[in-house]
Amino acid sequence: MTVPPPIVAPSILAADFARLAEEVRAVENAADWLHVDVMDNHFVPNLTIGLPVVQSLRAATELPFDVHLMIEDPRRWAPGYADAGAYNVTFHAEACDDPVALAKDLRSAGAKAGLAIDRDTPIEPYLELLPSFDTLLIMTIKAGFGGQRFIPQLLDKVRTARRHVDAGHLELRIEVDGGIAADTIAQAAEAGADAFVAGTAVYGADDPAEAIRKLRALAEHAAPGA
């Protein structure tokens, strides 16, 4: 099993929205990516930020944006986030009837393409699509709300994906999102994840940057072959 160095992506869903630019700068020297959760109150029962906020934040930081679209009709909206300068744009398999076509559109627009798999969705039907993607995001909770408890059984999907990625020698980040904290990140890393979304564990800490560094160290230590 070959796992690249871990990426920690703090989720601004857990940040203080009244001080968003400051909250981003608080993690700028520690985070690898900045995770941006976009929810539309249709695909998931929650409403968060959208394209104007991403465009505004883009001017406030050099951090790569890892945009996670929890929305219906991602083919309509996803390319706009790539055009806004997102590094990686991830959409849900459950919301798209032609994921490979949208992945091509995102890459053409200059972004990396990510495919997200929600809690109740089996991963096996999507494994053959992975060569078209740069990131596979596996939810370790039910998509839609921050602060949920990590579900360790969902790491079976991570193990399946890691075996498939290694067998096919794919260049693909396996990202986990949901309940990732100091007491869960090692399990996810051991299973083969190499990118970790952390919201409350970072923005609920007294020192968000130090929390990121600790999470990364835990993931590095637990990674297969470490």
C-alpha atoms as a PDB file:
ATOM      1  CA  MET A   1       0.000   0.000   0.000  1.00  0.00           C
ATOM      2  CA  THR A   2       1.431   3.355  -1.029  1.00  0.00           C
ATOM      3  CA  VAL A   3      -0.086   6.431   0.558  1.00  0.00           C
ATOM      4  CA  PRO A   4       1.135   9.953  -0.255  1.00  0.00           C
ATOM      5  CA  PRO A   5       1.912  12.487   2.496  1.00  0.00           C
ATOM      6  CA  PRO A   6      -1.258  13.489   4.320  1.00  0.00           C
ATOM      7  CA  ILE A   7      -3.242  16.611   3.544  1.00  0.00           C
ATOM      8  CA  VAL A   8      -5.233  18.365   6.253  1.00  0.00           C
ATOM      9  CA  ALA A   9      -8.078  20.559   5.027  1.00  0.00           C
ATOM     10  CA  PRO A  10      -9.820  22.604   7.730  1.00  0.00           C
ATOM     11  CA  SER A  11     -13.497  23.121   6.994  1.00  0.00           C
ATOM     12  CA  ILE A  12     -14.719  26.695   7.217  1.00  0.00           C
ATOM     13  CA  LEU A  13     -18.178  25.316   8.000  1.00  0.00           C
ATOM     14  CA  ALA A  14     -16.935  25.288  11.606  1.00  0.00           C
ATOM     15  CA  ALA A  15     -15.423  28.781  11.430  1.00  0.00           C
ATOM     16  CA  ASP A  16     -16.954  32.059  12.608  1.00  0.00           C
ATOM     17  CA  PHE A  17     -18.720  33.320   9.486  1.00  0.00           C
ATOM     18  CA  ALA A  18     -18.653  36.878  10.803  1.00  0.00           C
ATOM     19  CA  ARG A  19     -14.853  36.750  10.713  1.00  0.00           C
ATOM     20  CA  LEU A  20     -14.295  34.457   7.778  1.00  0.00           C
ATOM     21  CA  ALA A  21     -11.209  36.108   6.289  1.00  0.00           C
ATOM     22  CA  GLU A  22      -9.537  36.188   9.730  1.00  0.00           C
ATOM     23  CA  GLU A  23     -10.459  32.560  10.339  1.00  0.00           C
ATOM     24  CA  VAL A  24      -8.868  31.576   7.035  1.00  0.00           C
ATOM     25  CA  ARG A  25      -5.687  33.492   7.837  1.00  0.00           C
ATOM     26  CA  ALA A  26      -5.523  31.716  11.208  1.00  0.00           C
ATOM     27  CA  VAL A  27      -4.814  28.425   9.409  1.00  0.00           C
ATOM     28  CA  GLU A  28      -2.919  29.766   6.417  1.00  0.00           C
ATOM     29  CA  ASN A  29       0.543  28.649   7.524  1.00  0.00           C
ATOM     30  CA  ALA A  30      -0.565  25.199   8.672  1.00  0.00           C
ATOM     31  CA  ALA A  31      -3.322  23.940   6.365  1.00  0.00           C
ATOM     32  CA  ASP A  32      -2.707  22.191   3.049  1.00  0.00           C
ATOM     33  CA  TRP A  33      -6.136  22.948   1.591  1.00  0.00           C
ATOM     34  CA  LEU A  34      -9.123  24.975   2.750  1.00  0.00           C
ATOM     35  CA  HIS A  35     -12.317  22.913   2.656  1.00  0.00           C
ATOM     36  CA  VAL A  36     -15.392  24.856   1.544  1.00  0.00           C
ATOM     37  CA  ASP A  37     -18.778  23.191   2.054  1.00  0.00           C
ATOM     38  CA  VAL A  38     -21.465  24.386  -0.352  1.00  0.00           C
ATOM     39  CA  MET A  39     -24.982  23.189   0.541  1.00  0.00           C
ATOM     40  CA  ASP A  40     -28.201  24.119  -1.261  1.00  0.00           C
ATOM     41  CA  ASN A  41     -31.004  22.968   1.096  1.00  0.00           C
ATOM     42  CA  HIS A  42     -32.129  20.545  -1.624  1.00  0.00           C
ATOM     43  CA  PHE A  43     -29.521  17.816  -1.922  1.00  0.00           C
ATOM     44  CA  VAL A  44     -28.922  18.149   1.827  1.00  0.00           C
ATOM     45  CA  PRO A  45     -31.249  19.798   4.393  1.00  0.00           C
ATOM     46  CA  ASN A  46     -28.902  22.692   5.113  1.00  0.00           C
ATOM     47  CA  LEU A  47     -27.982  25.963   3.434  1.00  0.00           C
ATOM     48  CA  THR A  48     -24.467  27.390   3.596  1.00  0.00           C
ATOM     49  CA  ILE A  49     -22.312  29.571   1.367  1.00  0.00           C
ATOM     50  CA  GLY A  50     -22.109  29.818  -2.408  1.00  0.00           C
ATOM     51  CA  LEU A  51     -20.059  31.161  -5.265  1.00  0.00           C
ATOM     52  CA  PRO A  52     -19.916  34.859  -4.218  1.00  0.00           C
ATOM     53  CA  VAL A  53     -18.301  33.942  -0.885  1.00  0.00           C
ATOM     54  CA  VAL A  54     -15.775  31.686  -2.612  1.00  0.00           C
ATOM     55  CA  GLN A  55     -14.932  34.469  -5.064  1.00  0.00           C
ATOM     56  CA  SER A  56     -14.437  36.937  -2.207  1.00  0.00           C
ATOM     57  CA  LEU A  57     -12.339  34.551  -0.129  1.00  0.00           C
ATOM     58  CA  ARG A  58     -10.173  33.697  -3.112  1.00  0.00           C
ATOM     59  CA  ALA A  59      -8.740  37.216  -2.924  1.00  0.00           C
ATOM     60  CA  ALA A  60      -8.027  36.844   0.805  1.00  0.00           C
ATOM     61  CA  THR A  61      -5.745  33.785   0.855  1.00  0.00           C
ATOM     62  CA  GLU A  62      -3.273  31.747  -1.139  1.00  0.00           C
ATOM     63  CA  LEU A  63      -4.555  28.444   0.255  1.00  0.00           C
ATOM     64  CA  PRO A  64      -5.865  25.968  -2.335  1.00  0.00           C
ATOM     65  CA  PHE A  65      -9.655  25.724  -2.119  1.00  0.00           C
ATOM     66  CA  ASP A  66     -11.125  22.242  -1.764  1.00  0.00           C
ATOM     67  CA  VAL A  67     -14.756  22.916  -2.682  1.00  0.00           C
ATOM     68  CA  HIS A  68     -17.293  20.252  -1.680  1.00  0.00           C
ATOM     69  CA  LEU A  69     -20.582  20.684  -3.508  1.00  0.00           C
ATOM     70  CA  MET A  70     -23.488  19.123  -1.634  1.00  0.00           C
ATOM     71  CA  ILE A  71     -25.958  20.375  -4.223  1.00  0.00           C
ATOM     72  CA  GLU A  72     -28.402  19.221  -6.848  1.00  0.00           C
ATOM     73  CA  ASP A  73     -27.515  19.705 -10.515  1.00  0.00           C
ATOM     74  CA  PRO A  74     -23.741  20.053 -10.062  1.00  0.00           C
ATOM     75  CA  ARG A  75     -23.241  20.156 -13.842  1.00  0.00           C
ATOM     76  CA  ARG A  76     -24.866  23.580 -13.801  1.00  0.00           C
ATOM     77  CA  TRP A  77     -22.863  25.046 -10.931  1.00  0.00           C
ATOM     78  CA  ALA A  78     -19.566  23.188 -10.526  1.00  0.00           C
ATOM     79  CA  PRO A  79     -17.623  24.793 -13.416  1.00  0.00           C
ATOM     80  CA  GLY A  80     -18.245  28.227 -11.895  1.00  0.00           C
ATOM     81  CA  TYR A  81     -16.223  27.228  -8.837  1.00  0.00           C
ATOM     82  CA  ALA A  82     -13.378  26.089 -11.065  1.00  0.00           C
ATOM     83  CA  ASP A  83     -13.548  29.420 -12.880  1.00  0.00           C
ATOM     84  CA  ALA A  84     -13.424  31.180  -9.491  1.00  0.00           C
ATOM     85  CA  GLY A  85     -10.049  29.594  -8.804  1.00  0.00           C
ATOM     86  CA  ALA A  86     -10.916  26.492  -6.779  1.00  0.00           C
ATOM     87  CA  TYR A  87      -8.064  23.981  -6.734  1.00  0.00           C
ATOM     88  CA  ASN A  88     -10.335  20.976  -6.383  1.00  0.00           C
ATOM     89  CA  VAL A  89     -14.102  20.786  -6.981  1.00  0.00           C
ATOM     90  CA  THR A  90     -15.879  17.728  -5.589  1.00  0.00           C
ATOM     91  CA  PHE A  91     -19.490  16.846  -6.375  1.00  0.00           C
ATOM     92  CA  HIS A  92     -21.677  13.983  -5.194  1.00  0.00           C
ATOM     93  CA  ALA A  93     -22.106  10.820  -7.221  1.00  0.00           C
ATOM     94  CA  GLU A  94     -25.720  10.700  -6.047  1.00  0.00           C
ATOM     95  CA  ALA A  95     -26.478  14.078  -7.656  1.00  0.00           C
ATOM     96  CA  CYS A  96     -24.959  13.546 -11.105  1.00  0.00           C
ATOM     97  CA  ASP A  97     -26.039  11.256 -13.930  1.00  0.00           C
ATOM     98  CA  ASP A  98     -22.723  11.545 -15.832  1.00  0.00           C
ATOM     99  CA  PRO A  99     -19.875  12.043 -13.360  1.00  0.00           C
ATOM    100  CA  VAL A 100     -17.135  11.450 -15.915  1.00  0.00           C
ATOM    101  CA  ALA A 101     -18.436  14.194 -18.208  1.00  0.00           C
ATOM    102  CA  LEU A 102     -18.506  16.687 -15.355  1.00  0.00           C
ATOM    103  CA  ALA A 103     -15.007  15.661 -14.286  1.00  0.00           C
ATOM    104  CA  LYS A 104     -13.805  16.476 -17.806  1.00  0.00           C
ATOM    105  CA  ASP A 105     -15.528  19.863 -17.644  1.00  0.00           C
ATOM    106  CA  LEU A 106     -13.847  20.670 -14.341  1.00  0.00           C
ATOM    107  CA  ARG A 107     -10.417  19.675 -15.576  1.00  0.00           C
ATOM    108  CA  SER A 108     -10.952  21.737 -18.719  1.00  0.00           C
ATOM    109  CA  ALA A 109     -11.787  24.706 -16.502  1.00  0.00           C
ATOM    110  CA  GLY A 110      -8.466  24.302 -14.672  1.00  0.00           C
ATOM    111  CA  ALA A 111      -9.538  22.519 -11.492  1.00  0.00           C
ATOM    112  CA  LYS A 112      -9.002  19.033 -10.194  1.00  0.00           C
ATOM    113  CA  ALA A 113     -12.115  16.876 -10.132  1.00  0.00           C
ATOM    114  CA  GLY A 114     -13.444  15.100  -7.065  1.00  0.00           C
ATOM    115  CA  LEU A 115     -16.180  12.509  -6.607  1.00  0.00           C
ATOM    116  CA  ALA A 116     -17.984  12.310  -3.250  1.00  0.00           C
ATOM    117  CA  ILE A 117     -19.733   9.226  -1.875  1.00  0.00           C
ATOM    118  CA  ASP A 118     -22.298   9.769   0.900  1.00  0.00           C
ATOM    119  CA  ARG A 119     -22.788   7.584   3.957  1.00  0.00           C
ATOM    120  CA  ASP A 120     -25.435   5.245   2.513  1.00  0.00           C
ATOM    121  CA  THR A 121     -23.997   4.913  -0.999  1.00  0.00           C
ATOM    122  CA  PRO A 122     -21.978   1.800  -1.891  1.00  0.00           C
ATOM    123  CA  ILE A 123     -18.616   2.589  -3.395  1.00  0.00           C
ATOM    124  CA  GLU A 124     -18.273  -0.410  -5.701  1.00  0.00           C
ATOM    125  CA  PRO A 125     -20.351   0.972  -8.636  1.00  0.00           C
ATOM    126  CA  TYR A 126     -18.004   3.974  -8.862  1.00  0.00           C
ATOM    127  CA  LEU A 127     -14.609   2.306  -8.670  1.00  0.00           C
ATOM    128  CA  GLU A 128     -14.313   1.995 -12.445  1.00  0.00           C
ATOM    129  CA  LEU A 129     -14.797   5.776 -12.777  1.00  0.00           C
ATOM    130  CA  LEU A 130     -11.863   6.695 -10.556  1.00  0.00           C
ATOM    131  CA  PRO A 131      -9.262   7.120 -13.337  1.00  0.00           C
ATOM    132  CA  SER A 132     -11.293  10.172 -14.417  1.00  0.00           C
ATOM    133  CA  PHE A 133     -10.902  11.828 -10.994  1.00  0.00           C
ATOM    134  CA  ASP A 134      -8.193  13.383  -8.851  1.00  0.00           C
ATOM    135  CA  THR A 135      -9.967  13.032  -5.500  1.00  0.00           C
ATOM    136  CA  LEU A 136     -12.393  10.543  -3.993  1.00  0.00           C
ATOM    137  CA  LEU A 137     -14.182  11.979  -0.966  1.00  0.00           C
ATOM    138  CA  ILE A 138     -15.722   9.370   1.304  1.00  0.00           C
ATOM    139  CA  MET A 139     -18.169  10.713   3.859  1.00  0.00           C
ATOM    140  CA  THR A 140     -17.615   9.308   7.344  1.00  0.00           C
ATOM    141  CA  ILE A 141     -20.940  10.847   8.431  1.00  0.00           C
ATOM    142  CA  LYS A 142     -24.197  11.692   6.634  1.00  0.00           C
ATOM    143  CA  ALA A 143     -23.570  14.711   4.413  1.00  0.00           C
ATOM    144  CA  GLY A 144     -25.254  17.946   5.418  1.00  0.00           C
ATOM    145  CA  PHE A 145     -24.207  19.071   8.879  1.00  0.00           C
ATOM    146  CA  GLY A 146     -20.963  19.626  10.754  1.00  0.00           C
ATOM    147  CA  GLY A 147     -20.260  18.328  14.222  1.00  0.00           C
ATOM    148  CA  GLN A 148     -21.554  14.773  13.688  1.00  0.00           C
ATOM    149  CA  ARG A 149     -19.978  11.704  15.263  1.00  0.00           C
ATOM    150  CA  PHE A 150     -17.497   9.746  13.143  1.00  0.00           C
ATOM    151  CA  ILE A 151     -18.798   6.376  11.865  1.00  0.00           C
ATOM    152  CA  PRO A 152     -15.858   3.931  11.831  1.00  0.00           C
ATOM    153  CA  GLN A 153     -17.705   1.290   9.782  1.00  0.00           C
ATOM    154  CA  LEU A 154     -17.535   3.628   6.774  1.00  0.00           C
ATOM    155  CA  LEU A 155     -13.781   3.126   6.677  1.00  0.00           C
ATOM    156  CA  ASP A 156     -14.481  -0.159   4.879  1.00  0.00           C
ATOM    157  CA  LYS A 157     -15.130   2.038   1.818  1.00  0.00           C
ATOM    158  CA  VAL A 158     -11.742   3.672   2.298  1.00  0.00           C
ATOM    159  CA  ARG A 159     -10.041   0.279   2.440  1.00  0.00           C
ATOM    160  CA  THR A 160     -11.829  -0.842  -0.717  1.00  0.00           C
ATOM    161  CA  ALA A 161     -10.870   2.367  -2.508  1.00  0.00           C
ATOM    162  CA  ARG A 162      -7.245   2.150  -1.385  1.00  0.00           C
ATOM    163  CA  ARG A 163      -6.928  -1.412  -2.682  1.00  0.00           C
ATOM    164  CA  HIS A 164      -8.423  -0.337  -6.011  1.00  0.00           C
ATOM    165  CA  VAL A 165      -6.199   2.743  -6.285  1.00  0.00           C
ATOM    166  CA  ASP A 166      -3.061   0.778  -5.486  1.00  0.00           C
ATOM    167  CA  ALA A 167      -3.936  -2.093  -7.822  1.00  0.00           C
ATOM    168  CA  GLY A 168      -4.537   0.332 -10.684  1.00  0.00           C
ATOM    169  CA  HIS A 169      -1.600   2.605  -9.812  1.00  0.00           C
ATOM    170  CA  LEU A 170      -3.984   5.557  -9.863  1.00  0.00           C
ATOM    171  CA  GLU A 171      -2.953   9.065  -8.855  1.00  0.00           C
ATOM    172  CA  LEU A 172      -5.921   9.801  -6.634  1.00  0.00           C
ATOM    173  CA  ARG A 173      -6.332  11.393  -3.240  1.00  0.00           C
ATOM    174  CA  ILE A 174      -8.656   9.496  -0.901  1.00  0.00           C
ATOM    175  CA  GLU A 175     -10.278  12.090   1.328  1.00  0.00           C
ATOM    176  CA  VAL A 176     -12.432  11.543   4.403  1.00  0.00           C
ATOM    177  CA  ASP A 177     -14.930  14.050   5.744  1.00  0.00           C
ATOM    178  CA  GLY A 178     -16.948  13.864   8.942  1.00  0.00           C
ATOM    179  CA  GLY A 179     -15.968  13.635  12.593  1.00  0.00           C
ATOM    180  CA  ILE A 180     -12.246  13.732  11.848  1.00  0.00           C
ATOM    181  CA  ALA A 181     -10.399  14.697  15.027  1.00  0.00           C
ATOM    182  CA  ALA A 182      -7.415  13.684  17.137  1.00  0.00           C
ATOM    183  CA  ASP A 183      -9.175  10.499  18.282  1.00  0.00           C
ATOM    184  CA  THR A 184     -10.306   9.361  14.800  1.00  0.00           C
ATOM    185  CA  ILE A 185      -7.751  10.524  12.234  1.00  0.00           C
ATOM    186  CA  ALA A 186      -5.354   7.631  12.882  1.00  0.00           C
ATOM    187  CA  GLN A 187      -8.083   5.072  12.091  1.00  0.00           C
ATOM    188  CA  ALA A 188      -8.800   6.811   8.807  1.00  0.00           C
ATOM    189  CA  ALA A 189      -5.109   6.995   7.921  1.00  0.00           C
ATOM    190  CA  GLU A 190      -4.595   3.320   8.737  1.00  0.00           C
ATOM    191  CA  ALA A 191      -7.480   2.485   6.391  1.00  0.00           C
ATOM    192  CA  GLY A 192      -5.698   4.288   3.549  1.00  0.00           C
ATOM    193  CA  ALA A 193      -7.074   7.822   3.551  1.00  0.00           C
ATOM    194  CA  ASP A 194      -4.540  10.531   2.773  1.00  0.00           C
ATOM    195  CA  ALA A 195      -6.613  13.740   2.890  1.00  0.00           C
ATOM    196  CA  PHE A 196      -8.566  14.717   5.975  1.00  0.00           C
ATOM    197  CA  VAL A 197     -11.304  17.305   6.390  1.00  0.00           C
ATOM    198  CA  ALA A 198     -11.467  18.638   9.943  1.00  0.00           C
ATOM    199  CA  GLY A 199     -13.929  21.288  11.062  1.00  0.00           C
ATOM    200  CA  THR A 200     -14.660  21.447  14.777  1.00  0.00           C
ATOM    201  CA  ALA A 201     -11.318  19.784  15.601  1.00  0.00           C
ATOM    202  CA  VAL A 202      -9.560  22.790  14.067  1.00  0.00           C
ATOM    203  CA  TYR A 203     -11.839  25.762  14.579  1.00  0.00           C
ATOM    204  CA  GLY A 204     -12.968  24.614  18.001  1.00  0.00           C
ATOM    205  CA  ALA A 205      -9.353  24.568  19.201  1.00  0.00           C
ATOM    206  CA  ASP A 206      -7.645  27.440  21.032  1.00  0.00           C
ATOM    207  CA  ASP A 207      -4.898  27.391  18.387  1.00  0.00           C
ATOM    208  CA  PRO A 208      -6.301  26.214  15.028  1.00  0.00           C
ATOM    209  CA  ALA A 209      -2.897  26.097  13.334  1.00  0.00           C
ATOM    210  CA  GLU A 210      -1.408  23.945  16.078  1.00  0.00           C
ATOM    211  CA  ALA A 211      -4.449  21.646  15.919  1.00  0.00           C
ATOM    212  CA  ILE A 212      -3.768  21.109  12.204  1.00  0.00           C
ATOM    213  CA  ARG A 213      -0.114  20.284  12.850  1.00  0.00           C
ATOM    214  CA  LYS A 214      -1.093  17.736  15.501  1.00  0.00           C
ATOM    215  CA  LEU A 215      -3.657  16.117  13.209  1.00  0.00           C
ATOM    216  CA  ARG A 216      -1.117  15.844  10.397  1.00  0.00           C
ATOM    217  CA  ALA A 217       1.437  14.246  12.722  1.00  0.00           C
ATOM    218  CA  LEU A 218      -1.124  11.679  13.890  1.00  0.00           C
ATOM    219  CA  ALA A 219      -2.000  10.831  10.274  1.00  0.00           C
ATOM    220  CA  GLU A 220       1.655  10.540   9.265  1.00  0.00           C
ATOM    221  CA  HIS A 221       2.387   8.198  12.160  1.00  0.00           C
ATOM    222  CA  ALA A 222      -0.615   5.976  11.416  1.00  0.00           C
ATOM    223  CA  ALA A 223      -0.215   5.787   7.640  1.00  0.00           C
ATOM    224  CA  PRO A 224       0.580   2.323   6.228  1.00  0.00           C
ATOM    225  CA  GLY A 225       4.326   1.926   5.911  1.00  0.00           C
ATOM    226  CA  ALA A 226       5.086   4.817   8.281  1.00  0.00           C
END
